[in-house]
Amino acid sequence: MTWLPACGPGDSDLARAFALRPELFAAWRDFAGLFWKRRVVDPVVLELCRLRIAALLGAREALAQRTPEARDAGLAEARIALLDAWRTSDAFSDTERACLRFAEQFALDPKEIADADAAAAVAALGDAGMVAFVEALAIFDGFARFERFVAGAAS
């Protein structure tokens, strides 16, 4: 038995859950889209962090999706394939590493984000960029967890 009263149409558990409240889904898409459109943070950095969080949390649907803005900014599947090795691979810049380190800790245990890791991310992104980055991470994390919850409820 699922906690959902019914399921709407869609090609995934998440889409079927959101189909129950299409106005909520539209508002969420509009809000989440701002991070990609305003480009306060490089879309490649956002996408790498989104995918890393999805991988850490086992959100298969989110992990399979690609954001067009990141692809248009030059993010290739070859780099995405190296994401598990971001700490040691030359394919990632210092800025990407600082953001990935922060994003991982944000998803695993935000209370344990080291001051040095936060300072590195702020130095890489600036104050406004860091605010946008943390807001984006909250969305990536929350919806990866929601996807897992919905998938678990549907099975």
C-alpha atoms as a PDB file:
ATOM      1  CA  MET A   1       0.000   0.000   0.000  1.00  0.00           C
ATOM      2  CA  THR A   2       1.289   3.424  -0.851  1.00  0.00           C
ATOM      3  CA  TRP A   3       0.919   6.661   1.070  1.00  0.00           C
ATOM      4  CA  LEU A   4      -0.365   8.301  -2.114  1.00  0.00           C
ATOM      5  CA  PRO A   5      -4.153   8.289  -2.494  1.00  0.00           C
ATOM      6  CA  ALA A   6      -3.831   7.667  -6.228  1.00  0.00           C
ATOM      7  CA  CYS A   7      -1.353   7.999  -9.053  1.00  0.00           C
ATOM      8  CA  GLY A   8      -1.547  10.294 -12.029  1.00  0.00           C
ATOM      9  CA  PRO A   9      -0.175   9.650 -15.498  1.00  0.00           C
ATOM     10  CA  GLY A  10       3.551   9.751 -16.148  1.00  0.00           C
ATOM     11  CA  ASP A  11       6.562   7.787 -17.206  1.00  0.00           C
ATOM     12  CA  SER A  12       8.172   7.588 -13.749  1.00  0.00           C
ATOM     13  CA  ASP A  13       7.143   7.320 -10.108  1.00  0.00           C
ATOM     14  CA  LEU A  14       8.079  10.956  -9.559  1.00  0.00           C
ATOM     15  CA  ALA A  15       6.091  12.169 -12.580  1.00  0.00           C
ATOM     16  CA  ARG A  16       3.078  10.112 -11.464  1.00  0.00           C
ATOM     17  CA  ALA A  17       3.298  11.613  -7.956  1.00  0.00           C
ATOM     18  CA  PHE A  18       3.560  15.151  -9.305  1.00  0.00           C
ATOM     19  CA  ALA A  19       0.664  14.516 -11.676  1.00  0.00           C
ATOM     20  CA  LEU A  20      -1.558  14.590  -8.603  1.00  0.00           C
ATOM     21  CA  ARG A  21      -0.644  18.281  -8.142  1.00  0.00           C
ATOM     22  CA  PRO A  22       0.314  19.681 -11.575  1.00  0.00           C
ATOM     23  CA  GLU A  23       0.201  23.278 -10.322  1.00  0.00           C
ATOM     24  CA  LEU A  24       2.767  22.395  -7.645  1.00  0.00           C
ATOM     25  CA  PHE A  25       4.980  20.673 -10.209  1.00  0.00           C
ATOM     26  CA  ALA A  26       4.806  23.704 -12.521  1.00  0.00           C
ATOM     27  CA  ALA A  27       5.732  26.075  -9.682  1.00  0.00           C
ATOM     28  CA  TRP A  28       8.624  23.831  -8.638  1.00  0.00           C
ATOM     29  CA  ARG A  29       9.940  23.597 -12.221  1.00  0.00           C
ATOM     30  CA  ASP A  30       9.764  27.391 -12.565  1.00  0.00           C
ATOM     31  CA  PHE A  31      11.649  27.941  -9.313  1.00  0.00           C
ATOM     32  CA  ALA A  32      14.276  25.256  -9.946  1.00  0.00           C
ATOM     33  CA  GLY A  33      14.771  26.573 -13.465  1.00  0.00           C
ATOM     34  CA  LEU A  34      15.916  29.943 -12.137  1.00  0.00           C
ATOM     35  CA  PHE A  35      19.254  28.483 -11.043  1.00  0.00           C
ATOM     36  CA  TRP A  36      19.981  27.438 -14.616  1.00  0.00           C
ATOM     37  CA  LYS A  37      18.613  30.554 -16.329  1.00  0.00           C
ATOM     38  CA  ARG A  38      20.159  33.230 -14.113  1.00  0.00           C
ATOM     39  CA  ARG A  39      23.594  31.558 -14.177  1.00  0.00           C
ATOM     40  CA  VAL A  40      24.728  32.939 -10.850  1.00  0.00           C
ATOM     41  CA  VAL A  41      26.614  29.630 -10.631  1.00  0.00           C
ATOM     42  CA  ASP A  42      28.164  27.927 -13.653  1.00  0.00           C
ATOM     43  CA  PRO A  43      25.628  25.391 -14.983  1.00  0.00           C
ATOM     44  CA  VAL A  44      28.379  22.771 -15.312  1.00  0.00           C
ATOM     45  CA  VAL A  45      29.169  23.098 -11.592  1.00  0.00           C
ATOM     46  CA  LEU A  46      25.469  22.853 -10.730  1.00  0.00           C
ATOM     47  CA  GLU A  47      24.979  19.789 -12.900  1.00  0.00           C
ATOM     48  CA  LEU A  48      28.035  17.989 -11.546  1.00  0.00           C
ATOM     49  CA  CYS A  49      26.806  18.616  -8.000  1.00  0.00           C
ATOM     50  CA  ARG A  50      23.224  17.632  -8.870  1.00  0.00           C
ATOM     51  CA  LEU A  51      24.425  14.362 -10.357  1.00  0.00           C
ATOM     52  CA  ARG A  52      26.785  13.660  -7.453  1.00  0.00           C
ATOM     53  CA  ILE A  53      23.989  14.151  -4.934  1.00  0.00           C
ATOM     54  CA  ALA A  54      21.679  11.925  -6.994  1.00  0.00           C
ATOM     55  CA  ALA A  55      24.355   9.212  -7.051  1.00  0.00           C
ATOM     56  CA  LEU A  56      25.008   9.455  -3.309  1.00  0.00           C
ATOM     57  CA  LEU A  57      21.299   9.242  -2.504  1.00  0.00           C
ATOM     58  CA  GLY A  58      20.467   6.550  -5.068  1.00  0.00           C
ATOM     59  CA  ALA A  59      18.048   8.738  -7.044  1.00  0.00           C
ATOM     60  CA  ARG A  60      18.158   6.839 -10.344  1.00  0.00           C
ATOM     61  CA  GLU A  61      15.750   9.072 -12.246  1.00  0.00           C
ATOM     62  CA  ALA A  62      17.620  12.245 -11.294  1.00  0.00           C
ATOM     63  CA  LEU A  63      20.915  10.556 -12.139  1.00  0.00           C
ATOM     64  CA  ALA A  64      19.668   9.625 -15.603  1.00  0.00           C
ATOM     65  CA  GLN A  65      18.502  13.153 -16.453  1.00  0.00           C
ATOM     66  CA  ARG A  66      20.715  15.812 -18.018  1.00  0.00           C
ATOM     67  CA  THR A  67      20.164  19.549 -17.764  1.00  0.00           C
ATOM     68  CA  PRO A  68      20.266  21.174 -21.214  1.00  0.00           C
ATOM     69  CA  GLU A  69      21.982  24.316 -19.900  1.00  0.00           C
ATOM     70  CA  ALA A  70      24.911  22.261 -18.580  1.00  0.00           C
ATOM     71  CA  ARG A  71      25.171  20.302 -21.800  1.00  0.00           C
ATOM     72  CA  ASP A  72      25.061  23.564 -23.780  1.00  0.00           C
ATOM     73  CA  ALA A  73      27.826  24.938 -21.531  1.00  0.00           C
ATOM     74  CA  GLY A  74      30.061  22.031 -22.541  1.00  0.00           C
ATOM     75  CA  LEU A  75      29.468  19.269 -20.002  1.00  0.00           C
ATOM     76  CA  ALA A  76      30.061  15.978 -21.804  1.00  0.00           C
ATOM     77  CA  GLU A  77      29.130  12.448 -20.775  1.00  0.00           C
ATOM     78  CA  ALA A  78      32.832  11.567 -20.603  1.00  0.00           C
ATOM     79  CA  ARG A  79      33.274  13.960 -17.661  1.00  0.00           C
ATOM     80  CA  ILE A  80      30.089  12.749 -16.035  1.00  0.00           C
ATOM     81  CA  ALA A  81      31.454   9.194 -16.237  1.00  0.00           C
ATOM     82  CA  LEU A  82      34.464  10.352 -14.161  1.00  0.00           C
ATOM     83  CA  LEU A  83      32.333  11.922 -11.441  1.00  0.00           C
ATOM     84  CA  ASP A  84      33.038   9.202  -8.881  1.00  0.00           C
ATOM     85  CA  ALA A  85      36.757  10.073  -9.209  1.00  0.00           C
ATOM     86  CA  TRP A  86      36.322  13.859  -8.916  1.00  0.00           C
ATOM     87  CA  ARG A  87      38.850  14.067  -6.064  1.00  0.00           C
ATOM     88  CA  THR A  88      41.731  12.723  -8.150  1.00  0.00           C
ATOM     89  CA  SER A  89      40.762  13.194 -11.789  1.00  0.00           C
ATOM     90  CA  ASP A  90      42.375  16.002 -13.780  1.00  0.00           C
ATOM     91  CA  ALA A  91      39.006  16.409 -15.521  1.00  0.00           C
ATOM     92  CA  PHE A  92      37.749  18.614 -12.665  1.00  0.00           C
ATOM     93  CA  SER A  93      38.818  22.165 -11.847  1.00  0.00           C
ATOM     94  CA  ASP A  94      39.614  23.505  -8.386  1.00  0.00           C
ATOM     95  CA  THR A  95      36.243  25.296  -8.369  1.00  0.00           C
ATOM     96  CA  GLU A  96      34.401  22.102  -9.289  1.00  0.00           C
ATOM     97  CA  ARG A  97      36.262  20.161  -6.594  1.00  0.00           C
ATOM     98  CA  ALA A  98      35.468  22.782  -3.942  1.00  0.00           C
ATOM     99  CA  CYS A  99      31.789  22.702  -4.899  1.00  0.00           C
ATOM    100  CA  LEU A 100      31.620  18.907  -5.133  1.00  0.00           C
ATOM    101  CA  ARG A 101      33.257  18.574  -1.692  1.00  0.00           C
ATOM    102  CA  PHE A 102      30.720  20.987  -0.212  1.00  0.00           C
ATOM    103  CA  ALA A 103      27.804  19.317  -2.056  1.00  0.00           C
ATOM    104  CA  GLU A 104      28.735  15.834  -0.863  1.00  0.00           C
ATOM    105  CA  GLN A 105      28.931  16.929   2.741  1.00  0.00           C
ATOM    106  CA  PHE A 106      25.689  18.879   2.353  1.00  0.00           C
ATOM    107  CA  ALA A 107      23.932  15.675   1.273  1.00  0.00           C
ATOM    108  CA  LEU A 108      25.610  13.348   3.768  1.00  0.00           C
ATOM    109  CA  ASP A 109      25.759  15.467   6.939  1.00  0.00           C
ATOM    110  CA  PRO A 110      25.505  19.244   6.595  1.00  0.00           C
ATOM    111  CA  LYS A 111      26.390  19.790  10.266  1.00  0.00           C
ATOM    112  CA  GLU A 112      29.849  18.450   9.462  1.00  0.00           C
ATOM    113  CA  ILE A 113      30.711  20.871   6.641  1.00  0.00           C
ATOM    114  CA  ALA A 114      34.177  22.090   7.575  1.00  0.00           C
ATOM    115  CA  ASP A 115      34.788  25.824   7.747  1.00  0.00           C
ATOM    116  CA  ALA A 116      37.654  25.389   5.271  1.00  0.00           C
ATOM    117  CA  ASP A 117      35.361  23.621   2.788  1.00  0.00           C
ATOM    118  CA  ALA A 118      32.736  26.349   3.081  1.00  0.00           C
ATOM    119  CA  ALA A 119      35.416  29.034   2.690  1.00  0.00           C
ATOM    120  CA  ALA A 120      36.764  27.317  -0.444  1.00  0.00           C
ATOM    121  CA  ALA A 121      33.300  27.244  -2.000  1.00  0.00           C
ATOM    122  CA  VAL A 122      32.686  30.915  -1.123  1.00  0.00           C
ATOM    123  CA  ALA A 123      36.077  31.847  -2.586  1.00  0.00           C
ATOM    124  CA  ALA A 124      35.197  30.002  -5.788  1.00  0.00           C
ATOM    125  CA  LEU A 125      31.632  31.305  -6.147  1.00  0.00           C
ATOM    126  CA  GLY A 126      31.487  34.636  -4.295  1.00  0.00           C
ATOM    127  CA  ASP A 127      28.843  35.519  -1.751  1.00  0.00           C
ATOM    128  CA  ALA A 128      25.877  35.704  -4.155  1.00  0.00           C
ATOM    129  CA  GLY A 129      27.000  32.557  -5.927  1.00  0.00           C
ATOM    130  CA  MET A 130      27.286  30.694  -2.639  1.00  0.00           C
ATOM    131  CA  VAL A 131      23.748  31.653  -1.628  1.00  0.00           C
ATOM    132  CA  ALA A 132      22.392  30.443  -4.980  1.00  0.00           C
ATOM    133  CA  PHE A 133      24.543  27.309  -4.772  1.00  0.00           C
ATOM    134  CA  VAL A 134      23.250  26.323  -1.329  1.00  0.00           C
ATOM    135  CA  GLU A 135      19.651  26.943  -2.431  1.00  0.00           C
ATOM    136  CA  ALA A 136      20.234  24.754  -5.492  1.00  0.00           C
ATOM    137  CA  LEU A 137      21.806  22.026  -3.343  1.00  0.00           C
ATOM    138  CA  ALA A 138      18.744  22.080  -1.090  1.00  0.00           C
ATOM    139  CA  ILE A 139      16.544  21.451  -4.131  1.00  0.00           C
ATOM    140  CA  PHE A 140      18.815  18.723  -5.512  1.00  0.00           C
ATOM    141  CA  ASP A 141      19.004  17.003  -2.147  1.00  0.00           C
ATOM    142  CA  GLY A 142      15.337  17.353  -1.296  1.00  0.00           C
ATOM    143  CA  PHE A 143      14.057  16.091  -4.599  1.00  0.00           C
ATOM    144  CA  ALA A 144      16.544  13.223  -4.769  1.00  0.00           C
ATOM    145  CA  ARG A 145      15.217  12.126  -1.380  1.00  0.00           C
ATOM    146  CA  PHE A 146      11.616  12.692  -2.507  1.00  0.00           C
ATOM    147  CA  GLU A 147      12.256  10.572  -5.607  1.00  0.00           C
ATOM    148  CA  ARG A 148      13.573   7.726  -3.463  1.00  0.00           C
ATOM    149  CA  PHE A 149      10.610   8.037  -1.103  1.00  0.00           C
ATOM    150  CA  VAL A 150       8.077   8.025  -3.941  1.00  0.00           C
ATOM    151  CA  ALA A 151       9.808   5.083  -5.617  1.00  0.00           C
ATOM    152  CA  GLY A 152       9.796   3.173  -2.329  1.00  0.00           C
ATOM    153  CA  ALA A 153       6.140   3.950  -1.724  1.00  0.00           C
ATOM    154  CA  ALA A 154       5.175   2.807  -5.210  1.00  0.00           C
ATOM    155  CA  SER A 155       6.820  -0.598  -4.846  1.00  0.00           C
END
